[in-house]
mmCIF file of all heavy atoms, coordinates in Angstrom:
data_MODEL
# 
_entry.id   MODEL 
# 
loop_
_atom_site.group_PDB 
_atom_site.id 
_atom_site.type_symbol 
_atom_site.label_atom_id 
_atom_site.label_alt_id 
_atom_site.label_comp_id 
_atom_site.label_asym_id 
_atom_site.label_entity_id 
_atom_site.label_seq_id 
_atom_site.pdbx_PDB_ins_code 
_atom_site.Cartn_x 
_atom_site.Cartn_y 
_atom_site.Cartn_z 
_atom_site.occupancy 
_atom_site.B_iso_or_equiv 
_atom_site.pdbx_formal_charge 
_atom_site.auth_seq_id 
_atom_site.auth_comp_id 
_atom_site.auth_asym_id 
_atom_site.auth_atom_id 
_atom_site.pdbx_PDB_model_num 
ATOM 1   N N   . GLU A 1 1  ? 10.324 -5.227  -14.000 1.00 0.00 ? 1  GLU A N   1 
ATOM 2   C CA  . GLU A 1 1  ? 11.760 -5.077  -14.216 1.00 0.00 ? 1  GLU A CA  1 
ATOM 3   C C   . GLU A 1 1  ? 12.089 -5.114  -15.704 1.00 0.00 ? 1  GLU A C   1 
ATOM 4   O O   . GLU A 1 1  ? 11.499 -5.889  -16.456 1.00 0.00 ? 1  GLU A O   1 
ATOM 5   C CB  . GLU A 1 1  ? 12.545 -6.157  -13.479 1.00 0.00 ? 1  GLU A CB  1 
ATOM 6   C CG  . GLU A 1 1  ? 12.177 -7.574  -13.817 1.00 0.00 ? 1  GLU A CG  1 
ATOM 7   C CD  . GLU A 1 1  ? 12.956 -8.592  -13.010 1.00 0.00 ? 1  GLU A CD  1 
ATOM 8   O OE1 . GLU A 1 1  ? 13.257 -8.337  -11.834 1.00 0.00 ? 1  GLU A OE1 1 
ATOM 9   O OE2 . GLU A 1 1  ? 13.250 -9.645  -13.573 1.00 0.00 ? 1  GLU A OE2 1 
ATOM 10  N N   . LYS A 1 2  ? 12.986 -4.242  -16.119 1.00 0.00 ? 2  LYS A N   1 
ATOM 11  C CA  . LYS A 1 2  ? 13.493 -4.192  -17.499 1.00 0.00 ? 2  LYS A CA  1 
ATOM 12  C C   . LYS A 1 2  ? 12.388 -4.219  -18.544 1.00 0.00 ? 2  LYS A C   1 
ATOM 13  O O   . LYS A 1 2  ? 12.427 -4.967  -19.504 1.00 0.00 ? 2  LYS A O   1 
ATOM 14  C CB  . LYS A 1 2  ? 14.478 -5.334  -17.742 1.00 0.00 ? 2  LYS A CB  1 
ATOM 15  C CG  . LYS A 1 2  ? 15.688 -5.306  -16.853 1.00 0.00 ? 2  LYS A CG  1 
ATOM 16  C CD  . LYS A 1 2  ? 16.607 -6.467  -17.138 1.00 0.00 ? 2  LYS A CD  1 
ATOM 17  C CE  . LYS A 1 2  ? 17.753 -6.482  -16.132 1.00 0.00 ? 2  LYS A CE  1 
ATOM 18  N NZ  . LYS A 1 2  ? 18.604 -7.655  -16.278 1.00 0.00 ? 2  LYS A NZ  1 
ATOM 19  N N   . GLY A 1 3  ? 11.356 -3.421  -18.358 1.00 0.00 ? 3  GLY A N   1 
ATOM 20  C CA  . GLY A 1 3  ? 10.276 -3.340  -19.315 1.00 0.00 ? 3  GLY A CA  1 
ATOM 21  C C   . GLY A 1 3  ? 9.355  -4.545  -19.334 1.00 0.00 ? 3  GLY A C   1 
ATOM 22  O O   . GLY A 1 3  ? 8.499  -4.676  -20.191 1.00 0.00 ? 3  GLY A O   1 
ATOM 23  N N   . GLY A 1 4  ? 9.523  -5.459  -18.383 1.00 0.00 ? 4  GLY A N   1 
ATOM 24  C CA  . GLY A 1 4  ? 8.687  -6.651  -18.323 1.00 0.00 ? 4  GLY A CA  1 
ATOM 25  C C   . GLY A 1 4  ? 8.177  -6.879  -16.912 1.00 0.00 ? 4  GLY A C   1 
ATOM 26  O O   . GLY A 1 4  ? 8.276  -6.015  -16.043 1.00 0.00 ? 4  GLY A O   1 
ATOM 27  N N   . LEU A 1 5  ? 7.658  -8.040  -16.705 1.00 0.00 ? 5  LEU A N   1 
ATOM 28  C CA  . LEU A 1 5  ? 7.088  -8.389  -15.413 1.00 0.00 ? 5  LEU A CA  1 
ATOM 29  C C   . LEU A 1 5  ? 7.568  -9.772  -15.009 1.00 0.00 ? 5  LEU A C   1 
ATOM 30  O O   . LEU A 1 5  ? 7.530  -10.703 -15.811 1.00 0.00 ? 5  LEU A O   1 
ATOM 31  C CB  . LEU A 1 5  ? 5.555  -8.388  -15.503 1.00 0.00 ? 5  LEU A CB  1 
ATOM 32  C CG  . LEU A 1 5  ? 4.816  -8.757  -14.235 1.00 0.00 ? 5  LEU A CG  1 
ATOM 33  C CD1 . LEU A 1 5  ? 4.854  -7.597  -13.247 1.00 0.00 ? 5  LEU A CD1 1 
ATOM 34  C CD2 . LEU A 1 5  ? 3.388  -9.139  -14.537 1.00 0.00 ? 5  LEU A CD2 1 
ATOM 35  N N   . MET A 1 6  ? 8.034  -9.898  -13.780 1.00 0.00 ? 6  MET A N   1 
ATOM 36  C CA  . MET A 1 6  ? 8.449  -11.188 -13.224 1.00 0.00 ? 6  MET A CA  1 
ATOM 37  C C   . MET A 1 6  ? 7.378  -11.599 -12.227 1.00 0.00 ? 6  MET A C   1 
ATOM 38  O O   . MET A 1 6  ? 7.059  -10.849 -11.304 1.00 0.00 ? 6  MET A O   1 
ATOM 39  C CB  . MET A 1 6  ? 9.782  -11.053 -12.518 1.00 0.00 ? 6  MET A CB  1 
ATOM 40  C CG  . MET A 1 6  ? 10.113 -12.202 -11.642 1.00 0.00 ? 6  MET A CG  1 
ATOM 41  S SD  . MET A 1 6  ? 10.783 -13.530 -12.576 1.00 0.00 ? 6  MET A SD  1 
ATOM 42  C CE  . MET A 1 6  ? 12.272 -13.807 -11.716 1.00 0.00 ? 6  MET A CE  1 
ATOM 43  N N   . LEU A 1 7  ? 6.787  -12.778 -12.437 1.00 0.00 ? 7  LEU A N   1 
ATOM 44  C CA  . LEU A 1 7  ? 5.745  -13.300 -11.546 1.00 0.00 ? 7  LEU A CA  1 
ATOM 45  C C   . LEU A 1 7  ? 6.208  -14.636 -11.003 1.00 0.00 ? 7  LEU A C   1 
ATOM 46  O O   . LEU A 1 7  ? 6.556  -15.536 -11.760 1.00 0.00 ? 7  LEU A O   1 
ATOM 47  C CB  . LEU A 1 7  ? 4.422  -13.472 -12.299 1.00 0.00 ? 7  LEU A CB  1 
ATOM 48  C CG  . LEU A 1 7  ? 3.279  -14.148 -11.543 1.00 0.00 ? 7  LEU A CG  1 
ATOM 49  C CD1 . LEU A 1 7  ? 2.857  -13.305 -10.345 1.00 0.00 ? 7  LEU A CD1 1 
ATOM 50  C CD2 . LEU A 1 7  ? 2.108  -14.401 -12.471 1.00 0.00 ? 7  LEU A CD2 1 
ATOM 51  N N   . SER A 1 8  ? 6.221  -14.751 -9.689  1.00 0.00 ? 8  SER A N   1 
ATOM 52  C CA  . SER A 1 8  ? 6.595  -15.987 -9.020  1.00 0.00 ? 8  SER A CA  1 
ATOM 53  C C   . SER A 1 8  ? 5.416  -16.421 -8.156  1.00 0.00 ? 8  SER A C   1 
ATOM 54  O O   . SER A 1 8  ? 4.864  -15.614 -7.407  1.00 0.00 ? 8  SER A O   1 
ATOM 55  C CB  . SER A 1 8  ? 7.831  -15.750 -8.144  1.00 0.00 ? 8  SER A CB  1 
ATOM 56  O OG  . SER A 1 8  ? 8.158  -16.895 -7.411  1.00 0.00 ? 8  SER A OG  1 
ATOM 57  N N   . VAL A 1 9  ? 5.002  -17.692 -8.285  1.00 0.00 ? 9  VAL A N   1 
ATOM 58  C CA  . VAL A 1 9  ? 3.884  -18.195 -7.494  1.00 0.00 ? 9  VAL A CA  1 
ATOM 59  C C   . VAL A 1 9  ? 4.312  -19.403 -6.670  1.00 0.00 ? 9  VAL A C   1 
ATOM 60  O O   . VAL A 1 9  ? 5.193  -20.155 -7.069  1.00 0.00 ? 9  VAL A O   1 
ATOM 61  C CB  . VAL A 1 9  ? 2.664  -18.557 -8.375  1.00 0.00 ? 9  VAL A CB  1 
ATOM 62  C CG1 . VAL A 1 9  ? 2.134  -17.334 -9.085  1.00 0.00 ? 9  VAL A CG1 1 
ATOM 63  C CG2 . VAL A 1 9  ? 2.998  -19.629 -9.365  1.00 0.00 ? 9  VAL A CG2 1 
ATOM 64  N N   . THR A 1 10 ? 3.677  -19.561 -5.527  1.00 0.00 ? 10 THR A N   1 
ATOM 65  C CA  . THR A 1 10 ? 3.887  -20.712 -4.655  1.00 0.00 ? 10 THR A CA  1 
ATOM 66  C C   . THR A 1 10 ? 2.539  -21.403 -4.483  1.00 0.00 ? 10 THR A C   1 
ATOM 67  O O   . THR A 1 10 ? 1.573  -20.775 -4.040  1.00 0.00 ? 10 THR A O   1 
ATOM 68  C CB  . THR A 1 10 ? 4.418  -20.274 -3.280  1.00 0.00 ? 10 THR A CB  1 
ATOM 69  O OG1 . THR A 1 10 ? 5.630  -19.549 -3.470  1.00 0.00 ? 10 THR A OG1 1 
ATOM 70  C CG2 . THR A 1 10 ? 4.664  -21.463 -2.379  1.00 0.00 ? 10 THR A CG2 1 
ATOM 71  N N   . ILE A 1 11 ? 2.501  -22.683 -4.853  1.00 0.00 ? 11 ILE A N   1 
ATOM 72  C CA  . ILE A 1 11 ? 1.280  -23.472 -4.757  1.00 0.00 ? 11 ILE A CA  1 
ATOM 73  C C   . ILE A 1 11 ? 1.580  -24.666 -3.856  1.00 0.00 ? 11 ILE A C   1 
ATOM 74  O O   . ILE A 1 11 ? 2.537  -25.397 -4.096  1.00 0.00 ? 11 ILE A O   1 
ATOM 75  C CB  . ILE A 1 11 ? 0.822  -23.974 -6.154  1.00 0.00 ? 11 ILE A CB  1 
ATOM 76  C CG1 . ILE A 1 11 ? 0.734  -22.813 -7.149  1.00 0.00 ? 11 ILE A CG1 1 
ATOM 77  C CG2 . ILE A 1 11 ? -0.487 -24.730 -6.047  1.00 0.00 ? 11 ILE A CG2 1 
ATOM 78  C CD1 . ILE A 1 11 ? -0.203 -21.717 -6.776  1.00 0.00 ? 11 ILE A CD1 1 
ATOM 79  N N   . PRO A 1 12 ? 0.797  -24.900 -2.808  1.00 0.00 ? 12 PRO A N   1 
ATOM 80  C CA  . PRO A 1 12 ? 1.061  -26.017 -1.899  1.00 0.00 ? 12 PRO A CA  1 
ATOM 81  C C   . PRO A 1 12 ? 0.925  -27.381 -2.589  1.00 0.00 ? 12 PRO A C   1 
ATOM 82  O O   . PRO A 1 12 ? 0.222  -27.514 -3.600  1.00 0.00 ? 12 PRO A O   1 
ATOM 83  C CB  . PRO A 1 12 ? -0.014 -25.872 -0.820  1.00 0.00 ? 12 PRO A CB  1 
ATOM 84  C CG  . PRO A 1 12 ? -0.539 -24.496 -0.939  1.00 0.00 ? 12 PRO A CG  1 
ATOM 85  C CD  . PRO A 1 12 ? -0.352 -24.106 -2.370  1.00 0.00 ? 12 PRO A CD  1 
ATOM 86  N N   . HIS A 1 13 ? 1.574  -28.378 -2.021  1.00 0.00 ? 13 HIS A N   1 
ATOM 87  C CA  . HIS A 1 13 ? 1.448  -29.756 -2.500  1.00 0.00 ? 13 HIS A CA  1 
ATOM 88  C C   . HIS A 1 13 ? -0.013 -30.192 -2.437  1.00 0.00 ? 13 HIS A C   1 
ATOM 89  O O   . HIS A 1 13 ? -0.776 -29.729 -1.586  1.00 0.00 ? 13 HIS A O   1 
ATOM 90  C CB  . HIS A 1 13 ? 2.287  -30.718 -1.645  1.00 0.00 ? 13 HIS A CB  1 
ATOM 91  C CG  . HIS A 1 13 ? 3.749  -30.480 -1.776  1.00 0.00 ? 13 HIS A CG  1 
ATOM 92  N ND1 . HIS A 1 13 ? 4.483  -30.900 -2.859  1.00 0.00 ? 13 HIS A ND1 1 
ATOM 93  C CD2 . HIS A 1 13 ? 4.618  -29.850 -0.965  1.00 0.00 ? 13 HIS A CD2 1 
ATOM 94  C CE1 . HIS A 1 13 ? 5.738  -30.553 -2.704  1.00 0.00 ? 13 HIS A CE1 1 
ATOM 95  N NE2 . HIS A 1 13 ? 5.855  -29.902 -1.556  1.00 0.00 ? 13 HIS A NE2 1 
ATOM 96  N N   . ASN A 1 14 ? -0.392 -31.085 -3.342  1.00 0.00 ? 14 ASN A N   1 
ATOM 97  C CA  . ASN A 1 14 ? -1.742 -31.668 -3.379  1.00 0.00 ? 14 ASN A CA  1 
ATOM 98  C C   . ASN A 1 14 ? -2.836 -30.635 -3.623  1.00 0.00 ? 14 ASN A C   1 
ATOM 99  O O   . ASN A 1 14 ? -3.973 -30.821 -3.204  1.00 0.00 ? 14 ASN A O   1 
ATOM 100 C CB  . ASN A 1 14 ? -2.041 -32.457 -2.102  1.00 0.00 ? 14 ASN A CB  1 
ATOM 101 C CG  . ASN A 1 14 ? -1.086 -33.600 -1.914  1.00 0.00 ? 14 ASN A CG  1 
ATOM 102 O OD1 . ASN A 1 14 ? -0.768 -34.314 -2.862  1.00 0.00 ? 14 ASN A OD1 1 
ATOM 103 N ND2 . ASN A 1 14 ? -0.585 -33.763 -0.714  1.00 0.00 ? 14 ASN A ND2 1 
ATOM 104 N N   . THR A 1 15 ? -2.480 -29.523 -4.255  1.00 0.00 ? 15 THR A N   1 
ATOM 105 C CA  . THR A 1 15 ? -3.463 -28.532 -4.654  1.00 0.00 ? 15 THR A CA  1 
ATOM 106 C C   . THR A 1 15 ? -3.193 -28.164 -6.110  1.00 0.00 ? 15 THR A C   1 
ATOM 107 O O   . THR A 1 15 ? -2.206 -28.591 -6.703  1.00 0.00 ? 15 THR A O   1 
ATOM 108 C CB  . THR A 1 15 ? -3.384 -27.258 -3.793  1.00 0.00 ? 15 THR A CB  1 
ATOM 109 O OG1 . THR A 1 15 ? -2.120 -26.626 -4.008  1.00 0.00 ? 15 THR A OG1 1 
ATOM 110 C CG2 . THR A 1 15 ? -3.572 -27.559 -2.328  1.00 0.00 ? 15 THR A CG2 1 
ATOM 111 N N   . SER A 1 16 ? -4.071 -27.363 -6.687  1.00 0.00 ? 16 SER A N   1 
ATOM 112 C CA  . SER A 1 16 ? -3.859 -26.889 -8.054  1.00 0.00 ? 16 SER A CA  1 
ATOM 113 C C   . SER A 1 16 ? -4.232 -25.418 -8.114  1.00 0.00 ? 16 SER A C   1 
ATOM 114 O O   . SER A 1 16 ? -4.881 -24.882 -7.216  1.00 0.00 ? 16 SER A O   1 
ATOM 115 C CB  . SER A 1 16 ? -4.683 -27.701 -9.055  1.00 0.00 ? 16 SER A CB  1 
ATOM 116 O OG  . SER A 1 16 ? -6.057 -27.569 -8.786  1.00 0.00 ? 16 SER A OG  1 
ATOM 117 N N   . ALA A 1 17 ? -3.809 -24.763 -9.207  1.00 0.00 ? 17 ALA A N   1 
ATOM 118 C CA  . ALA A 1 17 ? -4.076 -23.335 -9.345  1.00 0.00 ? 17 ALA A CA  1 
ATOM 119 C C   . ALA A 1 17 ? -4.295 -22.973 -10.801 1.00 0.00 ? 17 ALA A C   1 
ATOM 120 O O   . ALA A 1 17 ? -3.758 -23.613 -11.703 1.00 0.00 ? 17 ALA A O   1 
ATOM 121 C CB  . ALA A 1 17 ? -2.912 -22.528 -8.790  1.00 0.00 ? 17 ALA A CB  1 
ATOM 122 N N   . VAL A 1 18 ? -5.089 -21.943 -10.986 1.00 0.00 ? 18 VAL A N   1 
ATOM 123 C CA  . VAL A 1 18 ? -5.243 -21.299 -12.283 1.00 0.00 ? 18 VAL A CA  1 
ATOM 124 C C   . VAL A 1 18 ? -4.497 -19.973 -12.153 1.00 0.00 ? 18 VAL A C   1 
ATOM 125 O O   . VAL A 1 18 ? -4.812 -19.170 -11.271 1.00 0.00 ? 18 VAL A O   1 
ATOM 126 C CB  . VAL A 1 18 ? -6.727 -21.050 -12.614 1.00 0.00 ? 18 VAL A CB  1 
ATOM 127 C CG1 . VAL A 1 18 ? -6.876 -20.263 -13.901 1.00 0.00 ? 18 VAL A CG1 1 
ATOM 128 C CG2 . VAL A 1 18 ? -7.480 -22.364 -12.692 1.00 0.00 ? 18 VAL A CG2 1 
ATOM 129 N N   . VAL A 1 19 ? -3.497 -19.775 -13.013 1.00 0.00 ? 19 VAL A N   1 
ATOM 130 C CA  . VAL A 1 19 ? -2.684 -18.562 -12.948 1.00 0.00 ? 19 VAL A CA  1 
ATOM 131 C C   . VAL A 1 19 ? -2.970 -17.725 -14.190 1.00 0.00 ? 19 VAL A C   1 
ATOM 132 O O   . VAL A 1 19 ? -2.789 -18.194 -15.313 1.00 0.00 ? 19 VAL A O   1 
ATOM 133 C CB  . VAL A 1 19 ? -1.182 -18.904 -12.847 1.00 0.00 ? 19 VAL A CB  1 
ATOM 134 C CG1 . VAL A 1 19 ? -0.347 -17.634 -12.797 1.00 0.00 ? 19 VAL A CG1 1 
ATOM 135 C CG2 . VAL A 1 19 ? -0.902 -19.779 -11.630 1.00 0.00 ? 19 VAL A CG2 1 
ATOM 136 N N   . HIS A 1 20 ? -3.416 -16.500 -13.976 1.00 0.00 ? 20 HIS A N   1 
ATOM 137 C CA  . HIS A 1 20 ? -3.689 -15.564 -15.063 1.00 0.00 ? 20 HIS A CA  1 
ATOM 138 C C   . HIS A 1 20 ? -2.452 -14.696 -15.267 1.00 0.00 ? 20 HIS A C   1 
ATOM 139 O O   . HIS A 1 20 ? -1.992 -14.057 -14.320 1.00 0.00 ? 20 HIS A O   1 
ATOM 140 C CB  . HIS A 1 20 ? -4.893 -14.680 -14.736 1.00 0.00 ? 20 HIS A CB  1 
ATOM 141 C CG  . HIS A 1 20 ? -6.146 -15.455 -14.536 1.00 0.00 ? 20 HIS A CG  1 
ATOM 142 N ND1 . HIS A 1 20 ? -7.021 -15.710 -15.569 1.00 0.00 ? 20 HIS A ND1 1 
ATOM 143 C CD2 . HIS A 1 20 ? -6.667 -16.040 -13.440 1.00 0.00 ? 20 HIS A CD2 1 
ATOM 144 C CE1 . HIS A 1 20 ? -8.038 -16.418 -15.109 1.00 0.00 ? 20 HIS A CE1 1 
ATOM 145 N NE2 . HIS A 1 20 ? -7.846 -16.630 -13.818 1.00 0.00 ? 20 HIS A NE2 1 
ATOM 146 N N   . LEU A 1 21 ? -1.928 -14.696 -16.494 1.00 0.00 ? 21 LEU A N   1 
ATOM 147 C CA  . LEU A 1 21 ? -0.758 -13.894 -16.809 1.00 0.00 ? 21 LEU A CA  1 
ATOM 148 C C   . LEU A 1 21 ? -1.192 -12.605 -17.498 1.00 0.00 ? 21 LEU A C   1 
ATOM 149 O O   . LEU A 1 21 ? -1.906 -12.654 -18.500 1.00 0.00 ? 21 LEU A O   1 
ATOM 150 C CB  . LEU A 1 21 ? 0.202  -14.667 -17.712 1.00 0.00 ? 21 LEU A CB  1 
ATOM 151 C CG  . LEU A 1 21 ? 0.744  -15.970 -17.132 1.00 0.00 ? 21 LEU A CG  1 
ATOM 152 C CD1 . LEU A 1 21 ? 1.609  -16.688 -18.158 1.00 0.00 ? 21 LEU A CD1 1 
ATOM 153 C CD2 . LEU A 1 21 ? 1.529  -15.702 -15.865 1.00 0.00 ? 21 LEU A CD2 1 
ATOM 154 N N   . PRO A 1 22 ? -0.752 -11.459 -16.990 1.00 0.00 ? 22 PRO A N   1 
ATOM 155 C CA  . PRO A 1 22 ? -1.142 -10.181 -17.587 1.00 0.00 ? 22 PRO A CA  1 
ATOM 156 C C   . PRO A 1 22 ? -0.294 -9.891  -18.827 1.00 0.00 ? 22 PRO A C   1 
ATOM 157 O O   . PRO A 1 22 ? 0.707  -9.192  -18.767 1.00 0.00 ? 22 PRO A O   1 
ATOM 158 C CB  . PRO A 1 22 ? -0.884 -9.172  -16.472 1.00 0.00 ? 22 PRO A CB  1 
ATOM 159 C CG  . PRO A 1 22 ? 0.206  -9.791  -15.660 1.00 0.00 ? 22 PRO A CG  1 
ATOM 160 C CD  . PRO A 1 22 ? -0.005 -11.282 -15.763 1.00 0.00 ? 22 PRO A CD  1 
ATOM 161 N N   . ALA A 1 23 ? -0.671 -10.464 -19.972 1.00 0.00 ? 23 ALA A N   1 
ATOM 162 C CA  . ALA A 1 23 ? 0.048  -10.256 -21.227 1.00 0.00 ? 23 ALA A CA  1 
ATOM 163 C C   . ALA A 1 23 ? -0.965 -10.058 -22.345 1.00 0.00 ? 23 ALA A C   1 
ATOM 164 O O   . ALA A 1 23 ? -2.066 -10.608 -22.304 1.00 0.00 ? 23 ALA A O   1 
ATOM 165 C CB  . ALA A 1 23 ? 0.939  -11.458 -21.527 1.00 0.00 ? 23 ALA A CB  1 
ATOM 166 N N   . ALA A 1 24 ? -0.586 -9.283  -23.349 1.00 0.00 ? 24 ALA A N   1 
ATOM 167 C CA  . ALA A 1 24 ? -1.475 -9.035  -24.476 1.00 0.00 ? 24 ALA A CA  1 
ATOM 168 C C   . ALA A 1 24 ? -1.682 -10.295 -25.319 1.00 0.00 ? 24 ALA A C   1 
ATOM 169 O O   . ALA A 1 24 ? -2.724 -10.492 -25.917 1.00 0.00 ? 24 ALA A O   1 
ATOM 170 C CB  . ALA A 1 24 ? -0.924 -7.913  -25.343 1.00 0.00 ? 24 ALA A CB  1 
ATOM 171 N N   . SER A 1 25 ? -0.664 -11.175 -25.347 1.00 0.00 ? 25 SER A N   1 
ATOM 172 C CA  . SER A 1 25 ? -0.793 -12.427 -26.090 1.00 0.00 ? 25 SER A CA  1 
ATOM 173 C C   . SER A 1 25 ? 0.044  -13.503 -25.405 1.00 0.00 ? 25 SER A C   1 
ATOM 174 O O   . SER A 1 25 ? 0.964  -13.207 -24.643 1.00 0.00 ? 25 SER A O   1 
ATOM 175 C CB  . SER A 1 25 ? -0.336 -12.262 -27.535 1.00 0.00 ? 25 SER A CB  1 
ATOM 176 O OG  . SER A 1 25 ? 1.081  -12.172 -27.615 1.00 0.00 ? 25 SER A OG  1 
ATOM 177 N N   . ALA A 1 26 ? -0.263 -14.760 -25.710 1.00 0.00 ? 26 ALA A N   1 
ATOM 178 C CA  . ALA A 1 26 ? 0.475  -15.879 -25.112 1.00 0.00 ? 26 ALA A CA  1 
ATOM 179 C C   . ALA A 1 26 ? 1.935  -15.874 -25.541 1.00 0.00 ? 26 ALA A C   1 
ATOM 180 O O   . ALA A 1 26 ? 2.802  -16.379 -24.823 1.00 0.00 ? 26 ALA A O   1 
ATOM 181 C CB  . ALA A 1 26 ? -0.180 -17.194 -25.492 1.00 0.00 ? 26 ALA A CB  1 
ATOM 182 N N   . ASN A 1 27 ? 2.254  -15.305 -26.681 1.00 0.00 ? 27 ASN A N   1 
ATOM 183 C CA  . ASN A 1 27 ? 3.640  -15.254 -27.170 1.00 0.00 ? 27 ASN A CA  1 
ATOM 184 C C   . ASN A 1 27 ? 4.524  -14.363 -26.317 1.00 0.00 ? 27 ASN A C   1 
ATOM 185 O O   . ASN A 1 27 ? 5.739  -14.474 -26.362 1.00 0.00 ? 27 ASN A O   1 
ATOM 186 C CB  . ASN A 1 27 ? 3.670  -14.776 -28.624 1.00 0.00 ? 27 ASN A CB  1 
ATOM 187 C CG  . ASN A 1 27 ? 3.019  -15.765 -29.560 1.00 0.00 ? 27 ASN A CG  1 
ATOM 188 O OD1 . ASN A 1 27 ? 2.959  -16.963 -29.273 1.00 0.00 ? 27 ASN A OD1 1 
ATOM 189 N ND2 . ASN A 1 27 ? 2.519  -15.272 -30.673 1.00 0.00 ? 27 ASN A ND2 1 
ATOM 190 N N   . GLN A 1 28 ? 3.940  -13.468 -25.541 1.00 0.00 ? 28 GLN A N   1 
ATOM 191 C CA  . GLN A 1 28 ? 4.707  -12.572 -24.691 1.00 0.00 ? 28 GLN A CA  1 
ATOM 192 C C   . GLN A 1 28 ? 5.093  -13.220 -23.360 1.00 0.00 ? 28 GLN A C   1 
ATOM 193 O O   . GLN A 1 28 ? 5.918  -12.689 -22.645 1.00 0.00 ? 28 GLN A O   1 
ATOM 194 C CB  . GLN A 1 28 ? 3.930  -11.289 -24.414 1.00 0.00 ? 28 GLN A CB  1 
ATOM 195 C CG  . GLN A 1 28 ? 3.736  -10.411 -25.631 1.00 0.00 ? 28 GLN A CG  1 
ATOM 196 C CD  . GLN A 1 28 ? 2.949  -9.171  -25.285 1.00 0.00 ? 28 GLN A CD  1 
ATOM 197 O OE1 . GLN A 1 28 ? 1.939  -9.251  -24.599 1.00 0.00 ? 28 GLN A OE1 1 
ATOM 198 N NE2 . GLN A 1 28 ? 3.416  -8.041  -25.756 1.00 0.00 ? 28 GLN A NE2 1 
# 
């Protein structure tokens, strides 16, 4: 949307996740 990307994640209680963001740099 609007030249960008909206990512929404759902992680269950008592668990953890590694989320990879598709961006050229962390500043984006």
